[in-house]
N, C-alpha and C. Protein backbone atom coordinates (compact mmCIF):
# COMPACT_ATOMS: atom_id res chain seq x y z
N MET A 1 3.71 -41.63 33.80
CA MET A 1 3.17 -40.40 33.76
C MET A 1 4.04 -39.42 33.05
N ALA A 2 5.29 -39.56 33.20
CA ALA A 2 6.38 -38.76 32.67
C ALA A 2 6.62 -39.18 30.98
N GLU A 3 6.02 -40.55 30.74
CA GLU A 3 6.33 -40.92 29.28
C GLU A 3 5.00 -40.26 28.48
N LYS A 4 3.95 -40.12 29.14
CA LYS A 4 2.58 -39.42 28.53
C LYS A 4 2.99 -38.02 28.09
N THR A 5 3.64 -37.12 29.18
CA THR A 5 3.97 -35.78 29.00
C THR A 5 5.00 -35.69 27.68
N SER A 6 6.17 -36.59 27.82
CA SER A 6 7.11 -36.41 26.74
C SER A 6 6.44 -36.88 25.14
N GLN A 7 5.39 -37.70 25.30
CA GLN A 7 4.62 -38.22 24.05
C GLN A 7 3.80 -36.93 23.57
N LYS A 8 3.35 -36.25 24.32
CA LYS A 8 2.48 -35.19 23.97
C LYS A 8 3.49 -34.06 23.42
N THR A 9 4.62 -33.86 24.10
CA THR A 9 5.47 -32.95 23.72
C THR A 9 6.01 -33.09 22.29
N ASN A 10 6.37 -34.45 22.03
CA ASN A 10 6.84 -34.77 20.60
C ASN A 10 5.75 -34.72 19.59
N THR A 11 4.59 -35.01 19.98
CA THR A 11 3.58 -34.84 18.92
C THR A 11 3.16 -33.22 18.56
N THR A 12 3.35 -32.55 19.58
CA THR A 12 3.10 -31.06 19.49
C THR A 12 4.28 -30.53 18.64
N ASN A 13 5.44 -30.92 18.88
CA ASN A 13 6.72 -30.49 18.14
C ASN A 13 6.56 -30.93 16.63
N LYS A 14 6.11 -32.06 16.48
CA LYS A 14 5.82 -32.41 15.20
C LYS A 14 4.95 -31.58 14.24
N SER A 15 3.82 -31.35 14.94
CA SER A 15 2.83 -30.54 14.39
C SER A 15 3.28 -29.09 14.01
N GLN A 16 4.01 -28.64 14.99
CA GLN A 16 4.48 -27.21 14.72
C GLN A 16 5.36 -27.10 13.66
N ILE A 17 6.30 -28.14 13.60
CA ILE A 17 7.34 -28.33 12.55
C ILE A 17 6.41 -28.33 11.20
N GLU A 18 5.67 -29.17 11.06
CA GLU A 18 4.79 -29.56 9.86
C GLU A 18 4.34 -28.22 9.46
N ARG A 19 3.56 -27.24 10.28
CA ARG A 19 2.85 -26.07 10.17
C ARG A 19 4.05 -25.02 9.68
N LYS A 20 5.22 -25.10 10.13
CA LYS A 20 6.12 -24.08 9.67
C LYS A 20 6.60 -24.46 8.12
N HIS A 21 6.47 -25.57 7.69
CA HIS A 21 6.86 -25.68 6.42
C HIS A 21 5.59 -25.60 5.20
N LYS A 22 4.42 -25.61 5.81
CA LYS A 22 3.38 -25.61 4.85
C LYS A 22 3.17 -24.21 4.37
N THR A 23 3.21 -24.05 3.01
CA THR A 23 3.21 -22.80 2.27
C THR A 23 1.85 -22.69 1.54
N ASN A 24 1.09 -23.51 1.45
CA ASN A 24 -0.15 -23.33 0.64
C ASN A 24 -1.24 -22.60 1.20
N LEU A 25 -1.49 -21.17 1.08
CA LEU A 25 -2.53 -20.55 1.73
C LEU A 25 -3.75 -20.43 0.88
N SER A 26 -4.92 -20.51 1.54
CA SER A 26 -6.04 -20.16 0.57
C SER A 26 -6.15 -18.89 0.45
N GLU A 27 -7.00 -18.40 -0.62
CA GLU A 27 -7.15 -16.99 -0.87
C GLU A 27 -7.49 -16.19 0.14
N TYR A 28 -8.26 -16.92 1.04
CA TYR A 28 -8.96 -15.99 2.25
C TYR A 28 -7.68 -15.85 3.33
N GLY A 29 -6.69 -16.76 3.46
CA GLY A 29 -5.65 -16.65 4.19
C GLY A 29 -4.76 -15.65 3.77
N ILE A 30 -4.57 -15.47 2.47
CA ILE A 30 -3.65 -14.49 1.89
C ILE A 30 -4.29 -13.08 2.10
N GLN A 31 -5.38 -12.99 1.94
CA GLN A 31 -6.34 -11.75 2.13
C GLN A 31 -6.13 -11.31 3.69
N MET A 32 -6.42 -12.15 4.48
CA MET A 32 -6.24 -12.18 6.05
C MET A 32 -5.02 -11.64 6.32
N ARG A 33 -3.96 -12.30 5.77
CA ARG A 33 -2.51 -11.98 6.00
C ARG A 33 -2.18 -10.61 5.67
N GLU A 34 -2.73 -10.03 4.61
CA GLU A 34 -2.33 -8.79 4.11
C GLU A 34 -3.01 -7.72 5.15
N LYS A 35 -4.41 -8.15 5.40
CA LYS A 35 -5.10 -7.24 6.16
C LYS A 35 -4.40 -6.95 7.61
N GLN A 36 -3.88 -8.11 8.38
CA GLN A 36 -3.41 -8.11 9.54
C GLN A 36 -2.03 -7.37 9.53
N LYS A 37 -1.29 -7.43 8.31
CA LYS A 37 0.09 -6.74 8.09
C LYS A 37 -0.05 -5.44 8.11
N ILE A 38 -1.24 -4.89 7.24
CA ILE A 38 -1.47 -3.53 7.27
C ILE A 38 -1.87 -2.86 8.66
N LYS A 39 -2.71 -3.46 9.17
CA LYS A 39 -3.45 -3.13 10.57
C LYS A 39 -2.01 -3.04 11.41
N LYS A 40 -1.20 -4.03 11.46
CA LYS A 40 -0.14 -4.03 12.32
C LYS A 40 0.93 -2.94 12.15
N ASP A 41 1.16 -2.56 10.89
CA ASP A 41 2.04 -1.44 10.52
C ASP A 41 1.55 -0.21 10.82
N TYR A 42 0.39 0.13 10.56
CA TYR A 42 -0.16 1.35 10.86
C TYR A 42 -0.63 1.50 12.22
N GLY A 43 -0.56 0.55 13.03
CA GLY A 43 -1.00 0.33 14.33
C GLY A 43 -2.56 0.81 14.75
N VAL A 44 -3.46 0.26 14.05
CA VAL A 44 -4.86 0.34 14.06
C VAL A 44 -5.54 -0.72 14.56
N SER A 45 -6.60 -0.59 15.36
CA SER A 45 -7.58 -1.61 15.74
C SER A 45 -8.22 -2.17 14.63
N GLU A 46 -8.92 -3.36 14.69
CA GLU A 46 -9.83 -3.95 13.86
C GLU A 46 -10.93 -2.92 13.57
N LYS A 47 -11.56 -2.21 14.61
CA LYS A 47 -12.73 -1.43 14.50
C LYS A 47 -12.39 -0.27 13.74
N GLN A 48 -11.13 0.28 13.92
CA GLN A 48 -10.78 1.55 13.18
C GLN A 48 -10.46 1.11 11.56
N PHE A 49 -9.86 -0.04 11.39
CA PHE A 49 -9.59 -0.33 10.07
C PHE A 49 -10.89 -0.53 9.32
N VAL A 50 -11.97 -1.28 9.89
CA VAL A 50 -13.10 -1.49 9.19
C VAL A 50 -13.67 -0.22 8.75
N SER A 51 -13.56 0.82 9.68
CA SER A 51 -14.19 2.04 9.32
C SER A 51 -13.44 2.85 8.13
N TYR A 52 -12.10 2.66 8.14
CA TYR A 52 -11.29 3.22 7.12
C TYR A 52 -11.74 2.46 5.70
N VAL A 53 -12.00 1.21 5.84
CA VAL A 53 -12.47 0.74 4.51
C VAL A 53 -13.96 0.91 4.15
N LYS A 54 -14.73 0.89 5.08
CA LYS A 54 -16.11 1.26 4.85
C LYS A 54 -16.13 2.70 4.15
N TYR A 55 -15.57 3.61 4.80
CA TYR A 55 -15.37 5.04 4.37
C TYR A 55 -14.82 5.08 2.86
N ALA A 56 -13.83 4.43 2.78
CA ALA A 56 -13.15 4.53 1.34
C ALA A 56 -13.93 3.84 0.26
N GLN A 57 -14.82 2.72 0.68
CA GLN A 57 -15.74 2.17 -0.26
C GLN A 57 -17.05 3.27 -0.61
N LYS A 58 -17.47 3.78 0.18
CA LYS A 58 -18.62 4.81 0.28
C LYS A 58 -18.14 6.30 -0.62
N SER A 59 -16.83 6.58 -0.07
CA SER A 59 -16.42 8.02 -0.62
C SER A 59 -15.97 7.93 -2.08
N THR A 60 -15.60 6.71 -2.61
CA THR A 60 -14.93 6.49 -3.86
C THR A 60 -16.06 6.20 -4.83
N ILE A 61 -17.24 5.99 -4.51
CA ILE A 61 -18.26 5.55 -5.36
C ILE A 61 -18.53 6.59 -6.55
N ASN A 62 -18.52 7.94 -6.23
CA ASN A 62 -18.81 8.93 -7.07
C ASN A 62 -17.49 9.61 -7.74
N THR A 63 -16.43 9.15 -7.42
CA THR A 63 -15.21 9.74 -7.79
C THR A 63 -14.41 8.76 -8.59
N LYS A 64 -13.24 9.22 -9.28
CA LYS A 64 -12.50 8.26 -9.87
C LYS A 64 -11.41 7.63 -9.15
N ILE A 65 -11.38 7.81 -7.83
CA ILE A 65 -10.37 7.33 -7.16
C ILE A 65 -10.67 5.79 -6.65
N PRO A 66 -9.60 4.88 -6.84
CA PRO A 66 -10.05 3.59 -6.57
C PRO A 66 -10.11 3.62 -5.01
N PRO A 67 -11.04 2.49 -4.46
CA PRO A 67 -11.07 2.32 -3.07
C PRO A 67 -9.78 2.07 -2.32
N ALA A 68 -9.05 1.22 -3.15
CA ALA A 68 -7.56 1.10 -2.40
C ALA A 68 -7.01 2.15 -2.17
N LEU A 69 -6.94 3.10 -2.98
CA LEU A 69 -6.33 4.34 -2.70
C LEU A 69 -7.08 5.10 -1.61
N GLY A 70 -8.32 4.91 -1.54
CA GLY A 70 -9.05 5.63 -0.44
C GLY A 70 -8.68 5.07 0.97
N ILE A 71 -8.54 3.82 1.00
CA ILE A 71 -7.91 3.22 2.33
C ILE A 71 -6.54 3.81 2.68
N TYR A 72 -5.64 3.69 1.59
CA TYR A 72 -4.16 4.31 1.74
C TYR A 72 -4.23 5.68 2.12
N ARG A 73 -4.98 6.45 1.59
CA ARG A 73 -5.08 7.91 1.99
C ARG A 73 -5.61 8.07 3.34
N GLY A 74 -6.65 7.38 3.77
CA GLY A 74 -7.21 7.40 5.11
C GLY A 74 -6.10 7.10 6.19
N LEU A 75 -5.36 6.04 5.81
CA LEU A 75 -4.27 5.73 6.84
C LEU A 75 -3.13 6.73 6.74
N GLU A 76 -2.80 7.10 5.69
CA GLU A 76 -1.59 8.08 5.74
C GLU A 76 -1.74 9.44 5.99
N THR A 77 -3.08 9.75 6.12
CA THR A 77 -3.49 11.23 6.73
C THR A 77 -3.84 10.95 8.05
N ARG A 78 -3.47 10.09 8.93
CA ARG A 78 -3.58 10.10 10.21
C ARG A 78 -2.48 10.90 10.92
N LEU A 79 -2.72 11.66 11.86
CA LEU A 79 -1.64 12.47 12.57
C LEU A 79 -0.31 11.77 12.85
N ASP A 80 -0.77 10.55 13.59
CA ASP A 80 0.54 9.85 13.82
C ASP A 80 1.41 9.34 12.58
N ASN A 81 0.66 9.17 11.56
CA ASN A 81 1.55 8.59 10.49
C ASN A 81 2.26 9.78 9.77
N VAL A 82 1.53 11.00 9.73
CA VAL A 82 2.24 12.31 9.22
C VAL A 82 3.56 12.63 9.97
N ILE A 83 3.41 12.38 11.38
CA ILE A 83 4.74 12.86 12.34
C ILE A 83 5.59 11.56 11.89
N PHE A 84 5.38 10.48 11.49
CA PHE A 84 6.22 9.42 11.23
C PHE A 84 6.87 9.85 9.93
N ARG A 85 6.23 10.10 8.94
CA ARG A 85 6.47 10.45 7.56
C ARG A 85 7.49 11.82 7.50
N MET A 86 7.17 12.73 8.49
CA MET A 86 7.85 13.93 8.74
C MET A 86 9.43 13.32 9.06
N GLY A 87 9.65 12.30 9.65
CA GLY A 87 10.87 11.89 10.20
C GLY A 87 11.20 12.33 11.66
N LEU A 88 10.15 12.70 12.19
CA LEU A 88 10.43 13.05 13.58
C LEU A 88 10.68 11.82 14.55
N THR A 89 10.22 10.68 14.13
CA THR A 89 10.42 9.43 14.93
C THR A 89 10.72 8.30 13.88
N LYS A 90 11.12 7.17 14.35
CA LYS A 90 11.56 6.16 13.71
C LYS A 90 10.48 5.02 13.50
N THR A 91 9.64 5.14 14.25
CA THR A 91 8.38 4.35 14.08
C THR A 91 7.04 5.00 14.11
N ARG A 92 5.93 4.49 13.67
CA ARG A 92 4.69 5.00 13.86
C ARG A 92 4.23 4.82 15.47
N ARG A 93 4.77 3.89 16.12
CA ARG A 93 4.27 3.82 17.54
C ARG A 93 4.85 4.98 18.32
N ALA A 94 6.11 5.19 18.12
CA ALA A 94 6.76 6.50 18.76
C ALA A 94 5.99 7.67 18.36
N ALA A 95 5.50 7.88 17.16
CA ALA A 95 4.81 9.20 16.70
C ALA A 95 3.59 9.14 17.40
N ARG A 96 2.88 8.01 17.37
CA ARG A 96 1.54 8.01 18.32
C ARG A 96 1.98 8.46 19.76
N GLN A 97 3.04 8.11 20.41
CA GLN A 97 2.99 8.46 21.78
C GLN A 97 3.33 9.77 21.90
N MET A 98 4.05 10.52 20.76
CA MET A 98 4.53 11.75 20.69
C MET A 98 3.00 12.57 20.82
N VAL A 99 2.15 12.08 19.99
CA VAL A 99 0.97 12.90 19.79
C VAL A 99 0.09 12.90 20.95
N SER A 100 0.07 11.52 21.46
CA SER A 100 -0.62 11.31 22.88
C SER A 100 -0.32 12.24 23.79
N HIS A 101 1.00 12.58 24.04
CA HIS A 101 1.56 13.30 25.20
C HIS A 101 1.64 14.74 25.01
N GLY A 102 0.98 15.26 23.90
CA GLY A 102 0.50 16.50 23.57
C GLY A 102 1.77 17.36 23.03
N HIS A 103 2.59 16.71 22.35
CA HIS A 103 3.91 17.51 21.98
C HIS A 103 3.53 18.36 20.51
N ILE A 104 2.41 17.75 19.95
CA ILE A 104 2.14 18.17 18.52
C ILE A 104 0.99 19.32 18.43
N LEU A 105 1.36 20.15 17.51
CA LEU A 105 0.25 21.31 17.15
C LEU A 105 -0.40 21.16 15.70
N VAL A 106 -1.48 21.31 15.55
CA VAL A 106 -2.10 21.20 14.18
C VAL A 106 -2.59 22.64 14.07
N ASN A 107 -2.11 23.33 13.02
CA ASN A 107 -2.74 24.81 12.69
C ASN A 107 -2.72 25.72 14.01
N GLY A 108 -1.77 25.42 14.86
CA GLY A 108 -1.63 26.09 16.15
C GLY A 108 -2.27 25.67 17.39
N LYS A 109 -2.81 24.50 17.26
CA LYS A 109 -3.82 24.01 18.28
C LYS A 109 -3.23 22.63 18.63
N LYS A 110 -3.03 22.48 20.08
CA LYS A 110 -2.62 21.16 20.67
C LYS A 110 -3.52 19.98 20.26
N ILE A 111 -3.09 19.06 19.53
CA ILE A 111 -3.87 17.91 19.30
C ILE A 111 -3.24 16.65 20.00
N ASN A 112 -3.97 15.84 20.83
CA ASN A 112 -3.30 14.58 21.37
C ASN A 112 -4.21 13.38 20.92
N ILE A 113 -4.68 13.39 19.70
CA ILE A 113 -5.40 12.40 19.08
C ILE A 113 -4.72 11.76 17.95
N PRO A 114 -4.07 10.58 18.24
CA PRO A 114 -3.26 9.96 16.97
C PRO A 114 -3.95 9.81 15.74
N SER A 115 -5.35 9.54 15.76
CA SER A 115 -6.07 9.36 14.62
C SER A 115 -6.83 10.43 13.98
N HIS A 116 -6.14 11.79 14.51
CA HIS A 116 -6.69 12.99 13.94
C HIS A 116 -6.40 13.21 12.51
N LYS A 117 -7.51 13.37 11.51
CA LYS A 117 -7.55 13.46 10.29
C LYS A 117 -6.88 14.59 9.72
N ILE A 118 -5.71 14.58 9.16
CA ILE A 118 -4.95 15.80 8.47
C ILE A 118 -5.49 16.15 7.16
N LYS A 119 -5.48 17.42 6.63
CA LYS A 119 -6.09 17.88 5.58
C LYS A 119 -5.08 18.76 4.94
N ILE A 120 -5.52 19.01 3.51
CA ILE A 120 -4.50 19.76 2.78
C ILE A 120 -4.38 21.26 3.39
N ASN A 121 -3.19 21.80 3.35
CA ASN A 121 -2.93 23.27 4.05
C ASN A 121 -2.85 23.09 5.51
N ASP A 122 -2.87 21.98 6.08
CA ASP A 122 -2.75 22.00 7.52
C ASP A 122 -1.27 22.15 7.72
N ILE A 123 -0.83 22.80 9.13
CA ILE A 123 0.34 22.98 9.38
C ILE A 123 0.53 22.21 10.51
N ILE A 124 1.57 21.37 10.50
CA ILE A 124 1.86 20.48 11.71
C ILE A 124 3.35 20.93 12.25
N SER A 125 3.20 21.22 13.61
CA SER A 125 4.41 21.72 14.39
C SER A 125 4.66 21.16 15.62
N ILE A 126 5.76 21.25 16.45
CA ILE A 126 6.07 21.00 17.70
C ILE A 126 5.57 22.15 18.59
N ARG A 127 5.05 21.70 19.70
CA ARG A 127 4.79 22.72 20.77
C ARG A 127 6.14 23.49 21.21
N GLU A 128 6.01 24.88 21.43
CA GLU A 128 7.11 25.51 22.05
C GLU A 128 7.83 24.90 23.21
N GLY A 129 6.86 24.56 24.17
CA GLY A 129 7.33 24.02 25.43
C GLY A 129 8.06 22.50 25.40
N SER A 130 7.76 21.92 24.07
CA SER A 130 8.42 20.74 23.76
C SER A 130 9.65 20.83 23.06
N LYS A 131 9.85 21.81 22.42
CA LYS A 131 11.14 21.99 21.47
C LYS A 131 12.38 21.97 22.15
N ASN A 132 12.47 22.07 23.42
CA ASN A 132 13.60 22.33 24.23
C ASN A 132 13.92 20.91 24.91
N THR A 133 13.16 19.95 24.76
CA THR A 133 13.25 18.65 25.31
C THR A 133 14.28 17.74 24.44
N LYS A 134 14.98 16.90 25.25
CA LYS A 134 15.92 16.17 24.54
C LYS A 134 15.53 15.45 23.16
N LEU A 135 14.34 15.00 23.30
CA LEU A 135 13.62 14.46 22.28
C LEU A 135 13.58 15.10 20.76
N PHE A 136 13.42 16.47 20.92
CA PHE A 136 13.30 17.25 19.70
C PHE A 136 14.56 18.05 19.53
N ILE A 137 15.43 18.30 20.44
CA ILE A 137 16.77 19.00 20.28
C ILE A 137 17.62 18.11 19.29
N GLU A 138 17.64 16.82 19.53
CA GLU A 138 18.50 15.88 18.42
C GLU A 138 18.01 15.70 17.01
N ILE A 139 16.73 16.15 16.92
CA ILE A 139 16.09 15.70 15.56
C ILE A 139 16.88 16.59 14.49
N PRO A 140 17.01 17.74 14.46
CA PRO A 140 17.56 18.35 13.23
C PRO A 140 18.97 17.89 12.85
N LEU A 141 19.71 17.44 13.93
CA LEU A 141 21.20 16.71 13.64
C LEU A 141 20.92 15.55 12.84
N LYS A 142 20.04 14.89 13.31
CA LYS A 142 19.78 13.47 12.88
C LYS A 142 19.27 13.21 11.57
N GLU A 143 18.17 14.26 11.07
CA GLU A 143 17.57 14.15 10.12
C GLU A 143 17.90 14.96 8.81
N ARG A 144 19.08 15.44 8.71
CA ARG A 144 19.54 16.37 7.68
C ARG A 144 19.13 15.76 6.29
N ASP A 145 19.51 14.48 6.13
CA ASP A 145 19.40 14.01 4.75
C ASP A 145 18.02 13.23 4.65
N PHE A 146 16.84 13.53 5.42
CA PHE A 146 15.90 12.62 5.45
C PHE A 146 15.03 13.45 4.33
N SER A 147 14.29 12.56 3.52
CA SER A 147 13.47 12.82 2.46
C SER A 147 12.09 12.55 2.83
N THR A 148 11.09 13.39 2.70
CA THR A 148 9.81 13.07 3.09
C THR A 148 8.98 12.67 2.00
N SER A 149 7.83 12.25 1.99
CA SER A 149 6.86 12.05 1.11
C SER A 149 6.59 13.24 0.27
N ASP A 150 6.22 13.01 -1.11
CA ASP A 150 6.09 14.36 -1.99
C ASP A 150 5.02 15.30 -1.69
N TRP A 151 4.00 14.70 -0.94
CA TRP A 151 2.79 15.62 -0.38
C TRP A 151 3.11 16.11 0.85
N ILE A 152 4.38 16.08 1.45
CA ILE A 152 4.52 16.98 2.75
C ILE A 152 5.81 17.97 2.39
N ASP A 153 5.53 19.18 2.70
CA ASP A 153 6.36 20.22 2.84
C ASP A 153 7.24 20.46 4.18
N LEU A 154 8.35 19.73 4.46
CA LEU A 154 8.99 19.75 5.62
C LEU A 154 10.12 20.93 5.83
N ASN A 155 9.97 21.72 6.91
CA ASN A 155 10.86 22.54 7.23
C ASN A 155 11.47 22.16 8.48
N ILE A 156 12.84 21.48 8.42
CA ILE A 156 13.34 20.88 9.63
C ILE A 156 13.98 21.90 10.49
N SER A 157 14.40 23.10 10.01
CA SER A 157 14.88 24.22 10.99
C SER A 157 13.77 24.49 11.80
N LYS A 158 12.55 24.80 11.53
CA LYS A 158 11.39 25.19 12.37
C LYS A 158 10.66 23.96 12.88
N LEU A 159 11.02 22.82 12.51
CA LEU A 159 10.27 21.39 12.98
C LEU A 159 8.97 21.74 12.65
N GLU A 160 8.59 21.84 11.50
CA GLU A 160 7.21 21.92 11.07
C GLU A 160 6.96 21.56 9.70
N ALA A 161 5.81 21.06 9.31
CA ALA A 161 5.44 20.67 7.96
C ALA A 161 4.21 21.10 7.51
N LYS A 162 4.03 21.47 6.25
CA LYS A 162 2.74 21.76 5.54
C LYS A 162 2.39 20.76 4.56
N ILE A 163 1.05 20.38 4.82
CA ILE A 163 0.45 19.43 3.94
C ILE A 163 0.16 19.83 2.52
N LEU A 164 0.89 19.50 1.45
CA LEU A 164 0.63 20.20 0.06
C LEU A 164 -0.60 19.36 -0.56
N ALA A 165 -0.76 18.15 -0.43
CA ALA A 165 -1.82 17.34 -1.06
C ALA A 165 -1.86 16.11 -0.46
N LEU A 166 -2.85 15.26 -0.93
CA LEU A 166 -3.05 13.99 -0.53
C LEU A 166 -2.19 12.96 -1.19
N PRO A 167 -1.93 11.82 -0.82
CA PRO A 167 -1.23 10.93 -1.60
C PRO A 167 -1.81 10.53 -2.93
N LYS A 168 -1.00 10.68 -3.98
CA LYS A 168 -1.54 10.29 -5.44
C LYS A 168 -1.61 8.91 -5.64
N GLU A 169 -0.63 8.20 -5.04
CA GLU A 169 -0.48 6.72 -5.38
C GLU A 169 -0.16 6.03 -4.26
N ILE A 170 -0.15 4.68 -4.16
CA ILE A 170 0.18 3.87 -2.98
C ILE A 170 1.66 3.71 -2.96
N GLU A 171 2.26 4.02 -2.16
CA GLU A 171 3.78 3.99 -1.94
C GLU A 171 4.23 2.59 -1.47
N ALA A 172 3.45 2.31 -0.37
CA ALA A 172 3.97 1.10 0.61
C ALA A 172 3.87 -0.30 -0.38
N GLY A 173 4.46 -1.07 0.21
CA GLY A 173 4.43 -2.55 -0.44
C GLY A 173 3.26 -3.34 0.15
N PHE A 174 2.04 -2.80 0.19
CA PHE A 174 0.93 -3.52 0.73
C PHE A 174 -0.02 -3.62 -0.30
N ASP A 175 -0.83 -4.80 -0.45
CA ASP A 175 -1.92 -5.03 -1.47
C ASP A 175 -3.14 -4.60 -0.82
N PHE A 176 -3.66 -3.46 -1.20
CA PHE A 176 -5.00 -2.95 -0.44
C PHE A 176 -6.11 -3.51 -1.34
N ALA A 177 -5.89 -4.01 -2.55
CA ALA A 177 -6.93 -4.70 -3.28
C ALA A 177 -7.23 -6.01 -2.64
N LYS A 178 -6.50 -6.62 -1.93
CA LYS A 178 -6.78 -7.98 -1.24
C LYS A 178 -7.53 -7.57 -0.02
N VAL A 179 -7.26 -6.49 0.68
CA VAL A 179 -7.99 -6.17 1.72
C VAL A 179 -9.49 -5.72 1.53
N LEU A 180 -9.69 -5.26 0.32
CA LEU A 180 -10.94 -4.83 -0.24
C LEU A 180 -11.69 -6.27 -0.56
N GLU A 181 -11.06 -7.25 -1.18
CA GLU A 181 -11.62 -8.52 -1.48
C GLU A 181 -12.25 -9.17 -0.10
N PHE A 182 -11.04 -8.95 0.92
CA PHE A 182 -11.59 -9.66 2.03
C PHE A 182 -12.82 -9.18 2.82
N TYR A 183 -13.08 -7.80 2.66
CA TYR A 183 -14.16 -7.18 3.22
C TYR A 183 -15.39 -7.23 2.37
N SER A 184 -15.32 -7.70 1.20
CA SER A 184 -16.43 -7.80 0.31
C SER A 184 -16.94 -9.18 0.40
N ARG A 185 -16.59 -10.02 1.18
CA ARG A 185 -17.26 -11.26 1.24
C ARG A 185 -18.65 -11.37 1.88
């Protein structure tokens, strides 16, 4: 009985080793990997991501904006991502939690939905009751040399930002064209 268990373990280890060294991925595998990487980085579910892709495909038909840029804009203008881009947190996950806990105001209204869509001229700020917490007191000291995206105007002394424009080009190291190919099957 012990021999059978050790034989199964040895064959399992061999197959795991072989898979680690296999580098040939199909086109489908490459597209799937890119989609999963983007979803993980932005912290969105499959259902949310599909809706961003469909919206980008529909909304860019009559415009000169490529659908890949449409997906990127949709993900970048989420409230949790804007908080991350402002430099108030080190991760999008922490920004999501900050929004969910009600620390963030958009145009003076408390918003606790991380996927809230930000528009041009929106002002994102920290709720007055939250500014005195340890989380926000340390930010101005840590972020003095932080540079935000060019479409966000950050005022670190007030802990607020104004959205000047939408992203004009894809900054991240992602291939959104592969994602579009994946969903066009």
